[in-house]
Amino acid sequence: MSQPIVVERLISAPPTVVYAYLTDAEKWARWQGERATIRPERGGLFALSMANGTTARGEFVEIEQDRRVVFTWGWVDHPGVPPGSTTVEIELFEEGDGTRLRLTHSGLPPDEVPIHTVGWEHYSGRLVTAAEGGDPGPDALPD
């Protein structure tokens, strides 16, 4: 396996607001994908339908209110990264009047790191826009 992907963003919103975008299906779909199914509890389903018809699926491993979510991640019908085969950890740190978000994606095969890095950079920017009260617009996959 490769080194984990780590993406950090500063968001001008408190951790409680950002956390809602990680645990509410409607809010998640505002920044990533077209539809989400999210049961934010240990063992709860995480499923995300993307604009190109692909589906990410996993389950929640850990949940800490307003501080941290950890879930498994993989793609339905993609043997390189099957559902639940990797782990995404999103940590929220209060910083001034805002939140520092740190996303760590581990367990990816080396050839999957570049595309997932581009994806998380793109989608974390959309999360910033949504959590700060803006409209990131329809989900267009990153180039």
N, C-alpha and C. Protein backbone atom coordinates (compact mmCIF):
# COMPACT_ATOMS: atom_id res chain seq x y z
N MET A 1 0.84 -1.19 0.00
CA MET A 1 0.00 0.00 0.00
C MET A 1 0.88 1.25 0.00
N SER A 2 0.29 2.33 -0.37
CA SER A 2 1.00 3.60 -0.52
C SER A 2 0.87 4.46 0.74
N GLN A 3 1.55 5.58 0.71
CA GLN A 3 1.39 6.57 1.77
C GLN A 3 -0.03 7.12 1.69
N PRO A 4 -0.60 7.49 2.83
CA PRO A 4 -1.96 8.03 2.79
C PRO A 4 -2.01 9.40 2.11
N ILE A 5 -3.17 9.71 1.58
CA ILE A 5 -3.46 11.05 1.07
C ILE A 5 -3.89 11.89 2.27
N VAL A 6 -3.37 13.09 2.38
CA VAL A 6 -3.79 14.00 3.44
C VAL A 6 -4.13 15.34 2.79
N VAL A 7 -5.36 15.79 3.04
CA VAL A 7 -5.84 17.07 2.52
C VAL A 7 -6.32 17.89 3.70
N GLU A 8 -5.87 19.13 3.79
CA GLU A 8 -6.33 20.03 4.86
C GLU A 8 -6.97 21.26 4.25
N ARG A 9 -8.01 21.73 4.92
CA ARG A 9 -8.71 22.95 4.51
C ARG A 9 -9.11 23.73 5.75
N LEU A 10 -9.08 25.05 5.65
CA LEU A 10 -9.61 25.91 6.69
C LEU A 10 -10.99 26.36 6.24
N ILE A 11 -11.98 26.17 7.11
CA ILE A 11 -13.37 26.47 6.77
C ILE A 11 -13.88 27.54 7.73
N SER A 12 -14.47 28.58 7.19
CA SER A 12 -15.02 29.67 8.01
C SER A 12 -16.42 29.30 8.51
N ALA A 13 -16.45 28.27 9.32
CA ALA A 13 -17.69 27.79 9.95
C ALA A 13 -17.27 26.95 11.16
N PRO A 14 -18.08 26.92 12.20
CA PRO A 14 -17.71 26.13 13.38
C PRO A 14 -17.78 24.63 13.11
N PRO A 15 -17.08 23.82 13.91
CA PRO A 15 -17.09 22.37 13.72
C PRO A 15 -18.50 21.75 13.68
N THR A 16 -19.45 22.30 14.45
CA THR A 16 -20.80 21.73 14.43
C THR A 16 -21.43 21.83 13.05
N VAL A 17 -21.18 22.91 12.35
CA VAL A 17 -21.72 23.09 11.00
C VAL A 17 -21.04 22.14 10.03
N VAL A 18 -19.71 22.07 10.08
CA VAL A 18 -18.97 21.19 9.18
C VAL A 18 -19.34 19.73 9.42
N TYR A 19 -19.46 19.35 10.67
CA TYR A 19 -19.81 17.98 11.04
C TYR A 19 -21.14 17.57 10.40
N ALA A 20 -22.10 18.48 10.35
CA ALA A 20 -23.39 18.18 9.74
C ALA A 20 -23.24 17.79 8.28
N TYR A 21 -22.26 18.35 7.57
CA TYR A 21 -22.02 18.01 6.18
C TYR A 21 -21.35 16.65 6.01
N LEU A 22 -20.95 16.05 7.12
CA LEU A 22 -20.32 14.73 7.09
C LEU A 22 -21.24 13.63 7.62
N THR A 23 -22.38 14.02 8.16
CA THR A 23 -23.26 13.03 8.81
C THR A 23 -24.71 13.11 8.35
N ASP A 24 -25.03 14.03 7.46
CA ASP A 24 -26.38 14.18 6.94
C ASP A 24 -26.33 13.95 5.43
N ALA A 25 -27.11 12.99 4.95
CA ALA A 25 -27.06 12.59 3.54
C ALA A 25 -27.36 13.75 2.58
N GLU A 26 -28.38 14.54 2.89
CA GLU A 26 -28.72 15.67 2.01
C GLU A 26 -27.59 16.68 1.94
N LYS A 27 -27.00 16.97 3.09
CA LYS A 27 -25.90 17.93 3.11
C LYS A 27 -24.66 17.36 2.42
N TRP A 28 -24.39 16.07 2.61
CA TRP A 28 -23.23 15.48 1.94
C TRP A 28 -23.39 15.61 0.43
N ALA A 29 -24.57 15.31 -0.08
CA ALA A 29 -24.80 15.36 -1.53
C ALA A 29 -24.71 16.78 -2.09
N ARG A 30 -24.72 17.79 -1.25
CA ARG A 30 -24.52 19.16 -1.75
C ARG A 30 -23.09 19.36 -2.21
N TRP A 31 -22.13 18.65 -1.60
CA TRP A 31 -20.72 18.87 -1.95
C TRP A 31 -20.06 17.71 -2.69
N GLN A 32 -20.64 16.51 -2.60
CA GLN A 32 -20.05 15.37 -3.31
C GLN A 32 -21.14 14.40 -3.73
N GLY A 33 -21.14 14.07 -5.01
CA GLY A 33 -22.08 13.10 -5.52
C GLY A 33 -23.44 13.69 -5.81
N GLU A 34 -24.33 12.80 -6.24
CA GLU A 34 -25.71 13.22 -6.54
C GLU A 34 -26.68 12.75 -5.46
N ARG A 35 -26.38 11.61 -4.86
CA ARG A 35 -27.21 11.05 -3.78
C ARG A 35 -26.30 10.37 -2.78
N ALA A 36 -26.68 10.46 -1.52
CA ALA A 36 -25.91 9.79 -0.47
C ALA A 36 -26.86 9.06 0.47
N THR A 37 -26.40 7.94 0.97
CA THR A 37 -27.07 7.23 2.05
C THR A 37 -26.07 7.16 3.18
N ILE A 38 -26.43 7.76 4.29
CA ILE A 38 -25.48 7.87 5.40
C ILE A 38 -26.20 7.52 6.70
N ARG A 39 -25.67 6.51 7.38
CA ARG A 39 -26.14 6.18 8.73
C ARG A 39 -24.93 6.35 9.64
N PRO A 40 -24.76 7.53 10.23
CA PRO A 40 -23.55 7.84 11.00
C PRO A 40 -23.54 7.17 12.38
N GLU A 41 -23.32 5.87 12.36
CA GLU A 41 -23.18 5.09 13.59
C GLU A 41 -22.21 3.97 13.27
N ARG A 42 -21.56 3.45 14.28
CA ARG A 42 -20.59 2.37 14.07
C ARG A 42 -21.27 1.23 13.30
N GLY A 43 -20.70 0.87 12.15
CA GLY A 43 -21.26 -0.17 11.30
C GLY A 43 -22.33 0.32 10.35
N GLY A 44 -22.68 1.62 10.42
CA GLY A 44 -23.71 2.19 9.56
C GLY A 44 -23.24 2.34 8.12
N LEU A 45 -24.16 2.28 7.21
CA LEU A 45 -23.87 2.35 5.78
C LEU A 45 -23.41 3.74 5.35
N PHE A 46 -22.41 3.74 4.48
CA PHE A 46 -21.99 4.94 3.76
C PHE A 46 -22.07 4.57 2.28
N ALA A 47 -22.91 5.25 1.51
CA ALA A 47 -23.01 4.99 0.07
C ALA A 47 -23.20 6.32 -0.64
N LEU A 48 -22.51 6.48 -1.75
CA LEU A 48 -22.50 7.75 -2.46
C LEU A 48 -22.58 7.48 -3.96
N SER A 49 -23.62 7.98 -4.61
CA SER A 49 -23.77 7.86 -6.06
C SER A 49 -23.19 9.10 -6.71
N MET A 50 -22.23 8.89 -7.59
CA MET A 50 -21.53 10.00 -8.24
C MET A 50 -22.22 10.39 -9.55
N ALA A 51 -21.86 11.56 -10.06
CA ALA A 51 -22.46 12.10 -11.28
C ALA A 51 -22.20 11.21 -12.50
N ASN A 52 -21.11 10.45 -12.50
CA ASN A 52 -20.79 9.60 -13.65
C ASN A 52 -21.40 8.20 -13.54
N GLY A 53 -22.24 7.98 -12.52
CA GLY A 53 -22.90 6.70 -12.36
C GLY A 53 -22.18 5.70 -11.48
N THR A 54 -20.98 6.03 -11.02
CA THR A 54 -20.26 5.13 -10.11
C THR A 54 -20.79 5.30 -8.70
N THR A 55 -20.55 4.28 -7.88
CA THR A 55 -21.01 4.31 -6.49
C THR A 55 -19.87 3.96 -5.56
N ALA A 56 -19.65 4.82 -4.56
CA ALA A 56 -18.70 4.52 -3.49
C ALA A 56 -19.51 3.91 -2.34
N ARG A 57 -18.91 2.92 -1.68
CA ARG A 57 -19.63 2.28 -0.58
C ARG A 57 -18.65 1.84 0.50
N GLY A 58 -19.13 1.94 1.74
CA GLY A 58 -18.37 1.48 2.89
C GLY A 58 -19.25 1.52 4.11
N GLU A 59 -18.61 1.59 5.26
CA GLU A 59 -19.37 1.70 6.51
C GLU A 59 -18.61 2.57 7.49
N PHE A 60 -19.38 3.16 8.39
CA PHE A 60 -18.78 4.00 9.42
C PHE A 60 -18.08 3.12 10.46
N VAL A 61 -16.87 3.54 10.81
CA VAL A 61 -16.05 2.81 11.78
C VAL A 61 -16.05 3.54 13.12
N GLU A 62 -15.91 4.87 13.07
CA GLU A 62 -15.89 5.69 14.28
C GLU A 62 -16.60 7.01 14.03
N ILE A 63 -17.28 7.49 15.05
CA ILE A 63 -17.97 8.78 14.99
C ILE A 63 -17.72 9.49 16.31
N GLU A 64 -17.21 10.70 16.25
CA GLU A 64 -17.07 11.55 17.44
C GLU A 64 -17.76 12.87 17.12
N GLN A 65 -18.86 13.13 17.78
CA GLN A 65 -19.68 14.32 17.53
C GLN A 65 -18.83 15.58 17.37
N ASP A 66 -18.98 16.24 16.25
CA ASP A 66 -18.33 17.53 15.95
C ASP A 66 -16.81 17.46 15.91
N ARG A 67 -16.22 16.24 15.90
CA ARG A 67 -14.76 16.13 15.93
C ARG A 67 -14.17 15.22 14.87
N ARG A 68 -14.88 14.09 14.57
CA ARG A 68 -14.21 13.10 13.74
C ARG A 68 -15.20 12.09 13.18
N VAL A 69 -15.00 11.71 11.92
CA VAL A 69 -15.70 10.59 11.33
C VAL A 69 -14.68 9.72 10.61
N VAL A 70 -14.84 8.43 10.73
CA VAL A 70 -13.98 7.47 10.05
C VAL A 70 -14.90 6.46 9.37
N PHE A 71 -14.66 6.23 8.08
CA PHE A 71 -15.46 5.27 7.34
C PHE A 71 -14.60 4.54 6.33
N THR A 72 -15.04 3.34 5.96
CA THR A 72 -14.35 2.63 4.91
C THR A 72 -14.87 3.14 3.57
N TRP A 73 -14.07 2.91 2.53
CA TRP A 73 -14.36 3.49 1.21
C TRP A 73 -13.92 2.51 0.13
N GLY A 74 -14.68 2.46 -0.92
CA GLY A 74 -14.32 1.70 -2.11
C GLY A 74 -15.39 1.91 -3.15
N TRP A 75 -15.16 1.34 -4.34
CA TRP A 75 -16.06 1.56 -5.47
C TRP A 75 -16.75 0.26 -5.86
N VAL A 76 -18.05 0.32 -6.05
CA VAL A 76 -18.80 -0.82 -6.56
C VAL A 76 -18.32 -1.05 -8.00
N ASP A 77 -18.07 -2.27 -8.38
CA ASP A 77 -17.64 -2.63 -9.74
C ASP A 77 -16.28 -2.05 -10.13
N HIS A 78 -15.42 -1.82 -9.15
CA HIS A 78 -14.05 -1.39 -9.44
C HIS A 78 -13.11 -2.28 -8.64
N PRO A 79 -12.55 -3.32 -9.27
CA PRO A 79 -11.76 -4.29 -8.52
C PRO A 79 -10.50 -3.72 -7.87
N GLY A 80 -10.00 -2.59 -8.37
CA GLY A 80 -8.79 -2.00 -7.79
C GLY A 80 -9.02 -1.43 -6.40
N VAL A 81 -10.22 -0.95 -6.13
CA VAL A 81 -10.58 -0.38 -4.83
C VAL A 81 -12.02 -0.82 -4.52
N PRO A 82 -12.19 -2.08 -4.12
CA PRO A 82 -13.56 -2.56 -3.86
C PRO A 82 -14.17 -1.92 -2.61
N PRO A 83 -15.48 -1.96 -2.49
CA PRO A 83 -16.16 -1.36 -1.34
C PRO A 83 -15.54 -1.79 -0.01
N GLY A 84 -15.32 -0.79 0.84
CA GLY A 84 -14.81 -1.05 2.18
C GLY A 84 -13.34 -1.39 2.27
N SER A 85 -12.59 -1.29 1.17
CA SER A 85 -11.19 -1.74 1.18
C SER A 85 -10.19 -0.69 1.65
N THR A 86 -10.60 0.57 1.75
CA THR A 86 -9.72 1.64 2.21
C THR A 86 -10.42 2.40 3.33
N THR A 87 -9.69 3.30 3.96
CA THR A 87 -10.25 4.03 5.10
C THR A 87 -10.07 5.53 4.92
N VAL A 88 -11.15 6.27 5.18
CA VAL A 88 -11.12 7.73 5.16
C VAL A 88 -11.40 8.22 6.58
N GLU A 89 -10.51 9.07 7.08
CA GLU A 89 -10.68 9.70 8.39
C GLU A 89 -10.77 11.20 8.17
N ILE A 90 -11.82 11.82 8.69
CA ILE A 90 -11.97 13.27 8.59
C ILE A 90 -12.01 13.82 10.01
N GLU A 91 -11.02 14.65 10.32
CA GLU A 91 -10.91 15.25 11.64
C GLU A 91 -11.24 16.73 11.55
N LEU A 92 -11.89 17.25 12.58
CA LEU A 92 -12.26 18.66 12.65
C LEU A 92 -11.62 19.28 13.88
N PHE A 93 -10.90 20.37 13.67
CA PHE A 93 -10.21 21.07 14.76
C PHE A 93 -10.71 22.51 14.79
N GLU A 94 -11.19 22.93 15.94
CA GLU A 94 -11.61 24.32 16.08
C GLU A 94 -10.38 25.21 15.92
N GLU A 95 -10.50 26.21 15.08
CA GLU A 95 -9.39 27.13 14.83
C GLU A 95 -9.96 28.53 14.70
N GLY A 96 -9.78 29.34 15.73
CA GLY A 96 -10.37 30.68 15.74
C GLY A 96 -11.88 30.55 15.67
N ASP A 97 -12.48 31.28 14.72
CA ASP A 97 -13.93 31.20 14.52
C ASP A 97 -14.31 30.10 13.51
N GLY A 98 -13.33 29.35 13.07
CA GLY A 98 -13.59 28.37 12.03
C GLY A 98 -13.15 26.96 12.42
N THR A 99 -12.94 26.16 11.38
CA THR A 99 -12.59 24.75 11.55
C THR A 99 -11.47 24.39 10.59
N ARG A 100 -10.48 23.71 11.11
CA ARG A 100 -9.48 23.10 10.24
C ARG A 100 -9.92 21.66 10.02
N LEU A 101 -10.11 21.30 8.76
CA LEU A 101 -10.48 19.95 8.38
C LEU A 101 -9.24 19.23 7.90
N ARG A 102 -9.03 18.03 8.41
CA ARG A 102 -7.94 17.18 7.90
C ARG A 102 -8.54 15.86 7.45
N LEU A 103 -8.44 15.56 6.16
CA LEU A 103 -8.93 14.32 5.59
C LEU A 103 -7.73 13.44 5.27
N THR A 104 -7.76 12.21 5.76
CA THR A 104 -6.69 11.25 5.52
C THR A 104 -7.31 10.01 4.89
N HIS A 105 -6.87 9.67 3.69
CA HIS A 105 -7.36 8.47 3.01
C HIS A 105 -6.21 7.48 2.93
N SER A 106 -6.37 6.34 3.59
CA SER A 106 -5.29 5.35 3.65
C SER A 106 -5.73 4.01 3.07
N GLY A 107 -4.74 3.21 2.70
CA GLY A 107 -4.99 1.87 2.20
C GLY A 107 -5.18 1.77 0.70
N LEU A 108 -4.96 2.85 -0.02
CA LEU A 108 -5.13 2.83 -1.48
C LEU A 108 -3.94 2.15 -2.15
N PRO A 109 -4.19 1.40 -3.22
CA PRO A 109 -3.09 0.92 -4.04
C PRO A 109 -2.36 2.13 -4.65
N PRO A 110 -1.05 2.04 -4.85
CA PRO A 110 -0.30 3.18 -5.37
C PRO A 110 -0.85 3.79 -6.65
N ASP A 111 -1.35 2.97 -7.57
CA ASP A 111 -1.86 3.52 -8.83
C ASP A 111 -3.18 4.26 -8.68
N GLU A 112 -3.82 4.15 -7.53
CA GLU A 112 -5.08 4.85 -7.28
C GLU A 112 -4.88 6.19 -6.55
N VAL A 113 -3.69 6.42 -6.03
CA VAL A 113 -3.44 7.63 -5.25
C VAL A 113 -3.63 8.91 -6.06
N PRO A 114 -3.08 9.01 -7.29
CA PRO A 114 -3.24 10.28 -8.03
C PRO A 114 -4.69 10.68 -8.26
N ILE A 115 -5.54 9.76 -8.72
CA ILE A 115 -6.93 10.13 -9.02
C ILE A 115 -7.70 10.44 -7.74
N HIS A 116 -7.43 9.72 -6.66
CA HIS A 116 -8.11 10.00 -5.40
C HIS A 116 -7.62 11.32 -4.79
N THR A 117 -6.35 11.65 -4.99
CA THR A 117 -5.84 12.94 -4.51
C THR A 117 -6.56 14.08 -5.22
N VAL A 118 -6.65 13.99 -6.54
CA VAL A 118 -7.37 15.01 -7.32
C VAL A 118 -8.81 15.10 -6.83
N GLY A 119 -9.44 13.96 -6.62
CA GLY A 119 -10.82 13.94 -6.17
C GLY A 119 -11.01 14.60 -4.82
N TRP A 120 -10.19 14.24 -3.83
CA TRP A 120 -10.36 14.82 -2.49
C TRP A 120 -10.01 16.31 -2.47
N GLU A 121 -9.04 16.73 -3.27
CA GLU A 121 -8.75 18.17 -3.36
C GLU A 121 -9.97 18.91 -3.91
N HIS A 122 -10.54 18.36 -4.97
CA HIS A 122 -11.72 18.97 -5.60
C HIS A 122 -12.90 19.00 -4.63
N TYR A 123 -13.22 17.86 -4.04
CA TYR A 123 -14.42 17.78 -3.20
C TYR A 123 -14.26 18.49 -1.87
N SER A 124 -13.07 18.53 -1.33
CA SER A 124 -12.91 19.29 -0.08
C SER A 124 -13.13 20.78 -0.32
N GLY A 125 -12.77 21.27 -1.51
CA GLY A 125 -13.06 22.66 -1.86
C GLY A 125 -14.56 22.91 -1.95
N ARG A 126 -15.29 21.94 -2.50
CA ARG A 126 -16.75 22.07 -2.56
C ARG A 126 -17.36 22.02 -1.17
N LEU A 127 -16.78 21.21 -0.27
CA LEU A 127 -17.25 21.16 1.11
C LEU A 127 -17.06 22.51 1.79
N VAL A 128 -15.92 23.14 1.57
CA VAL A 128 -15.68 24.48 2.13
C VAL A 128 -16.79 25.43 1.68
N THR A 129 -17.07 25.46 0.40
CA THR A 129 -18.10 26.35 -0.13
C THR A 129 -19.45 26.09 0.53
N ALA A 130 -19.85 24.83 0.59
CA ALA A 130 -21.15 24.48 1.17
C ALA A 130 -21.22 24.81 2.65
N ALA A 131 -20.19 24.43 3.41
CA ALA A 131 -20.20 24.66 4.87
C ALA A 131 -20.17 26.14 5.21
N GLU A 132 -19.59 26.95 4.32
CA GLU A 132 -19.56 28.40 4.56
C GLU A 132 -20.84 29.08 4.08
N GLY A 133 -21.82 28.30 3.63
CA GLY A 133 -23.11 28.86 3.25
C GLY A 133 -23.27 29.14 1.78
N GLY A 134 -22.27 28.78 0.97
CA GLY A 134 -22.35 29.02 -0.47
C GLY A 134 -22.98 27.84 -1.20
N ASP A 135 -23.12 28.00 -2.49
CA ASP A 135 -23.68 26.94 -3.33
C ASP A 135 -22.58 26.45 -4.26
N PRO A 136 -22.07 25.22 -4.03
CA PRO A 136 -21.02 24.71 -4.91
C PRO A 136 -21.52 24.31 -6.30
N GLY A 137 -22.86 24.38 -6.51
CA GLY A 137 -23.43 24.02 -7.80
C GLY A 137 -23.51 22.51 -7.97
N PRO A 138 -24.01 22.09 -9.14
CA PRO A 138 -24.11 20.65 -9.41
C PRO A 138 -22.73 20.00 -9.37
N ASP A 139 -22.70 18.77 -8.95
CA ASP A 139 -21.43 18.04 -8.89
C ASP A 139 -20.92 17.73 -10.28
N ALA A 140 -19.82 18.34 -10.64
CA ALA A 140 -19.13 18.02 -11.88
C ALA A 140 -17.83 17.34 -11.46
N LEU A 141 -17.58 16.18 -11.99
CA LEU A 141 -16.39 15.43 -11.59
C LEU A 141 -15.14 16.22 -11.92
N PRO A 142 -14.10 16.06 -11.11
CA PRO A 142 -12.85 16.80 -11.38
C PRO A 142 -12.19 16.30 -12.66
N ASP A 143 -11.43 17.18 -13.27
CA ASP A 143 -10.69 16.79 -14.50
C ASP A 143 -9.54 15.89 -14.16
